[in-house]
């Protein structure tokens, strides 16, 4: 699985594996243990994780989410020292340690909470995404 196979749905918690497009929308399956299926239609805003970036103050202006997730894995592994319930000061310090050039005016605490939550889900349900390795087809 890669970040191109995983999406976030606005208004729904958690992350979803993209199964296939359907007539009335995209068929998704939650990455949690429940494996609930959901058809996301035109009224749902779906964000594919491979297309998400974090604002920076660099010349490029953004860094892909995938790069940030891999930096978190290299620096912290499974123990981030923060969680999605941590206060804003702790979350900002955490992100600054991973991505010193993040744009503090455009990256909100709510974004940081999402990042930490998504990292935890990926670490548990799709660790290959964080390692940069993809399993062979059929395995």
C-alpha atoms as a PDB file:
ATOM      1  CA  UNK A   1       0.000   0.000   0.000  1.00  0.00           C
ATOM      2  CA  UNK A   2       1.164   3.549  -0.720  1.00  0.00           C
ATOM      3  CA  UNK A   3      -0.136   6.995   0.197  1.00  0.00           C
ATOM      4  CA  UNK A   4      -1.876   7.016  -3.202  1.00  0.00           C
ATOM      5  CA  UNK A   5      -4.093   4.192  -1.900  1.00  0.00           C
ATOM      6  CA  UNK A   6      -5.152   6.053   1.263  1.00  0.00           C
ATOM      7  CA  UNK A   7      -7.588   8.930   1.652  1.00  0.00           C
ATOM      8  CA  UNK A   8      -9.115  11.173   4.257  1.00  0.00           C
ATOM      9  CA  UNK A   9     -12.798  12.073   4.046  1.00  0.00           C
ATOM     10  CA  UNK A  10     -13.876  15.477   5.307  1.00  0.00           C
ATOM     11  CA  UNK A  11     -16.221  15.136   8.263  1.00  0.00           C
ATOM     12  CA  UNK A  12     -15.212  11.531   8.934  1.00  0.00           C
ATOM     13  CA  UNK A  13     -12.489  10.559  11.379  1.00  0.00           C
ATOM     14  CA  UNK A  14      -9.654   8.276  10.461  1.00  0.00           C
ATOM     15  CA  UNK A  15      -8.183   7.168   7.168  1.00  0.00           C
ATOM     16  CA  UNK A  16      -9.592   5.025   4.382  1.00  0.00           C
ATOM     17  CA  UNK A  17      -8.140   2.628   1.845  1.00  0.00           C
ATOM     18  CA  UNK A  18      -9.360   3.428  -1.659  1.00  0.00           C
ATOM     19  CA  UNK A  19     -10.889   0.231  -3.034  1.00  0.00           C
ATOM     20  CA  UNK A  20     -12.370   1.285  -6.377  1.00  0.00           C
ATOM     21  CA  UNK A  21     -14.438   3.929  -8.090  1.00  0.00           C
ATOM     22  CA  UNK A  22     -18.125   3.094  -8.363  1.00  0.00           C
ATOM     23  CA  UNK A  23     -21.147   4.487 -10.175  1.00  0.00           C
ATOM     24  CA  UNK A  24     -22.217   6.648  -7.246  1.00  0.00           C
ATOM     25  CA  UNK A  25     -18.785   7.478  -5.840  1.00  0.00           C
ATOM     26  CA  UNK A  26     -15.565   5.945  -4.570  1.00  0.00           C
ATOM     27  CA  UNK A  27     -15.677   2.771  -2.471  1.00  0.00           C
ATOM     28  CA  UNK A  28     -13.523   3.170   0.641  1.00  0.00           C
ATOM     29  CA  UNK A  29     -12.664   0.886   3.558  1.00  0.00           C
ATOM     30  CA  UNK A  30     -11.603   2.235   6.952  1.00  0.00           C
ATOM     31  CA  UNK A  31      -8.054   1.387   7.947  1.00  0.00           C
ATOM     32  CA  UNK A  32      -9.056   0.632  11.534  1.00  0.00           C
ATOM     33  CA  UNK A  33      -9.906  -2.811  12.856  1.00  0.00           C
ATOM     34  CA  UNK A  34     -13.602  -2.370  11.968  1.00  0.00           C
ATOM     35  CA  UNK A  35     -12.866  -2.301   8.214  1.00  0.00           C
ATOM     36  CA  UNK A  36     -16.156  -0.465   7.645  1.00  0.00           C
ATOM     37  CA  UNK A  37     -16.918   0.275   4.009  1.00  0.00           C
ATOM     38  CA  UNK A  38     -18.150   3.645   2.786  1.00  0.00           C
ATOM     39  CA  UNK A  39     -19.149   5.036  -0.589  1.00  0.00           C
ATOM     40  CA  UNK A  40     -17.916   8.623  -0.809  1.00  0.00           C
ATOM     41  CA  UNK A  41     -19.979  10.550  -3.311  1.00  0.00           C
ATOM     42  CA  UNK A  42     -19.756  13.980  -4.878  1.00  0.00           C
ATOM     43  CA  UNK A  43     -20.882  15.633  -1.643  1.00  0.00           C
ATOM     44  CA  UNK A  44     -17.877  14.239   0.260  1.00  0.00           C
ATOM     45  CA  UNK A  45     -14.507  15.943   0.063  1.00  0.00           C
ATOM     46  CA  UNK A  46     -11.861  13.258  -0.358  1.00  0.00           C
ATOM     47  CA  UNK A  47      -8.147  13.987   0.007  1.00  0.00           C
ATOM     48  CA  UNK A  48      -5.684  11.383  -1.235  1.00  0.00           C
ATOM     49  CA  UNK A  49      -2.698  11.455   1.133  1.00  0.00           C
ATOM     50  CA  UNK A  50      -0.132  11.440  -1.675  1.00  0.00           C
ATOM     51  CA  UNK A  51      -1.535  14.798  -2.841  1.00  0.00           C
ATOM     52  CA  UNK A  52      -1.281  16.547   0.550  1.00  0.00           C
ATOM     53  CA  UNK A  53       1.607  18.881   1.408  1.00  0.00           C
ATOM     54  CA  UNK A  54       2.577  20.943   4.430  1.00  0.00           C
ATOM     55  CA  UNK A  55       3.256  24.662   4.000  1.00  0.00           C
ATOM     56  CA  UNK A  56       6.828  25.814   4.571  1.00  0.00           C
ATOM     57  CA  UNK A  57       8.739  29.066   4.462  1.00  0.00           C
ATOM     58  CA  UNK A  58      11.146  27.660   1.874  1.00  0.00           C
ATOM     59  CA  UNK A  59      11.378  28.720  -1.753  1.00  0.00           C
ATOM     60  CA  UNK A  60       9.310  25.659  -2.774  1.00  0.00           C
ATOM     61  CA  UNK A  61       6.566  26.663  -0.334  1.00  0.00           C
ATOM     62  CA  UNK A  62       5.495  23.124   0.613  1.00  0.00           C
ATOM     63  CA  UNK A  63       6.827  19.696   1.536  1.00  0.00           C
ATOM     64  CA  UNK A  64       4.911  16.526   0.567  1.00  0.00           C
ATOM     65  CA  UNK A  65       3.169  14.769   3.466  1.00  0.00           C
ATOM     66  CA  UNK A  66       5.037  11.569   2.600  1.00  0.00           C
ATOM     67  CA  UNK A  67       8.399  13.254   3.290  1.00  0.00           C
ATOM     68  CA  UNK A  68       7.171  14.592   6.628  1.00  0.00           C
ATOM     69  CA  UNK A  69       5.822  11.189   7.683  1.00  0.00           C
ATOM     70  CA  UNK A  70       9.151   9.532   6.849  1.00  0.00           C
ATOM     71  CA  UNK A  71      11.051  12.199   8.823  1.00  0.00           C
ATOM     72  CA  UNK A  72       8.777  11.564  11.812  1.00  0.00           C
ATOM     73  CA  UNK A  73       9.444   7.813  11.543  1.00  0.00           C
ATOM     74  CA  UNK A  74      13.221   8.376  11.355  1.00  0.00           C
ATOM     75  CA  UNK A  75      13.261  10.806  14.274  1.00  0.00           C
ATOM     76  CA  UNK A  76      10.673   9.307  16.617  1.00  0.00           C
ATOM     77  CA  UNK A  77       9.666   5.825  15.514  1.00  0.00           C
ATOM     78  CA  UNK A  78       6.614   4.726  17.482  1.00  0.00           C
ATOM     79  CA  UNK A  79       7.014   7.173  20.403  1.00  0.00           C
ATOM     80  CA  UNK A  80       6.177  10.699  19.271  1.00  0.00           C
ATOM     81  CA  UNK A  81       5.931  12.151  22.769  1.00  0.00           C
ATOM     82  CA  UNK A  82       2.697  13.881  21.676  1.00  0.00           C
ATOM     83  CA  UNK A  83      -0.737  12.735  20.580  1.00  0.00           C
ATOM     84  CA  UNK A  84      -3.746  14.323  18.926  1.00  0.00           C
ATOM     85  CA  UNK A  85      -4.916  15.544  22.347  1.00  0.00           C
ATOM     86  CA  UNK A  86      -1.655  17.381  23.153  1.00  0.00           C
ATOM     87  CA  UNK A  87      -1.801  21.149  23.492  1.00  0.00           C
ATOM     88  CA  UNK A  88      -0.833  23.516  20.690  1.00  0.00           C
ATOM     89  CA  UNK A  89       2.544  24.465  22.166  1.00  0.00           C
ATOM     90  CA  UNK A  90       3.645  20.828  22.367  1.00  0.00           C
ATOM     91  CA  UNK A  91       2.405  20.074  18.855  1.00  0.00           C
ATOM     92  CA  UNK A  92       4.198  23.124  17.403  1.00  0.00           C
ATOM     93  CA  UNK A  93       7.444  22.119  19.137  1.00  0.00           C
ATOM     94  CA  UNK A  94       7.041  18.582  17.794  1.00  0.00           C
ATOM     95  CA  UNK A  95       6.477  19.729  14.202  1.00  0.00           C
ATOM     96  CA  UNK A  96       9.327  22.245  14.440  1.00  0.00           C
ATOM     97  CA  UNK A  97      11.670  19.405  15.477  1.00  0.00           C
ATOM     98  CA  UNK A  98      10.638  17.402  12.399  1.00  0.00           C
ATOM     99  CA  UNK A  99      10.153  20.242   9.917  1.00  0.00           C
ATOM    100  CA  UNK A 100      11.867  23.408  11.221  1.00  0.00           C
ATOM    101  CA  UNK A 101      10.787  25.399   8.164  1.00  0.00           C
ATOM    102  CA  UNK A 102       7.026  24.752   8.504  1.00  0.00           C
ATOM    103  CA  UNK A 103       4.963  27.919   8.049  1.00  0.00           C
ATOM    104  CA  UNK A 104       3.552  28.739  11.488  1.00  0.00           C
ATOM    105  CA  UNK A 105       1.022  31.156   9.972  1.00  0.00           C
ATOM    106  CA  UNK A 106      -0.487  28.625   7.565  1.00  0.00           C
ATOM    107  CA  UNK A 107      -0.174  25.303   9.401  1.00  0.00           C
ATOM    108  CA  UNK A 108      -2.779  25.248  12.157  1.00  0.00           C
ATOM    109  CA  UNK A 109      -2.820  23.229  15.375  1.00  0.00           C
ATOM    110  CA  UNK A 110      -5.777  21.278  13.932  1.00  0.00           C
ATOM    111  CA  UNK A 111      -3.520  20.263  11.010  1.00  0.00           C
ATOM    112  CA  UNK A 112      -0.841  19.108  13.450  1.00  0.00           C
ATOM    113  CA  UNK A 113      -3.389  17.061  15.392  1.00  0.00           C
ATOM    114  CA  UNK A 114      -4.477  15.404  12.134  1.00  0.00           C
ATOM    115  CA  UNK A 115      -0.846  14.697  11.202  1.00  0.00           C
ATOM    116  CA  UNK A 116      -0.165  12.999  14.554  1.00  0.00           C
ATOM    117  CA  UNK A 117      -3.415  11.022  14.383  1.00  0.00           C
ATOM    118  CA  UNK A 118      -2.772   9.916  10.797  1.00  0.00           C
ATOM    119  CA  UNK A 119       0.790   8.914  11.666  1.00  0.00           C
ATOM    120  CA  UNK A 120      -0.520   6.674  14.459  1.00  0.00           C
ATOM    121  CA  UNK A 121      -3.059   5.034  12.154  1.00  0.00           C
ATOM    122  CA  UNK A 122      -0.462   4.465   9.426  1.00  0.00           C
ATOM    123  CA  UNK A 123       2.077   3.101  11.919  1.00  0.00           C
ATOM    124  CA  UNK A 124      -0.460   0.529  13.099  1.00  0.00           C
ATOM    125  CA  UNK A 125      -2.370  -0.309   9.907  1.00  0.00           C
ATOM    126  CA  UNK A 126       0.030   0.408   7.014  1.00  0.00           C
ATOM    127  CA  UNK A 127       3.620   0.646   8.352  1.00  0.00           C
ATOM    128  CA  UNK A 128       5.074  -0.025   4.892  1.00  0.00           C
ATOM    129  CA  UNK A 129       3.955   3.485   3.885  1.00  0.00           C
ATOM    130  CA  UNK A 130       6.244   5.003   6.526  1.00  0.00           C
ATOM    131  CA  UNK A 131       9.205   2.817   5.603  1.00  0.00           C
ATOM    132  CA  UNK A 132       9.015   3.752   1.966  1.00  0.00           C
ATOM    133  CA  UNK A 133       8.703   0.114   0.991  1.00  0.00           C
ATOM    134  CA  UNK A 134       5.789  -1.328  -0.885  1.00  0.00           C
ATOM    135  CA  UNK A 135       4.831  -4.974  -0.571  1.00  0.00           C
ATOM    136  CA  UNK A 136       4.860  -7.096  -3.701  1.00  0.00           C
ATOM    137  CA  UNK A 137       1.541  -7.404  -5.525  1.00  0.00           C
ATOM    138  CA  UNK A 138      -0.410 -10.386  -4.287  1.00  0.00           C
ATOM    139  CA  UNK A 139       1.191 -10.492  -0.836  1.00  0.00           C
END
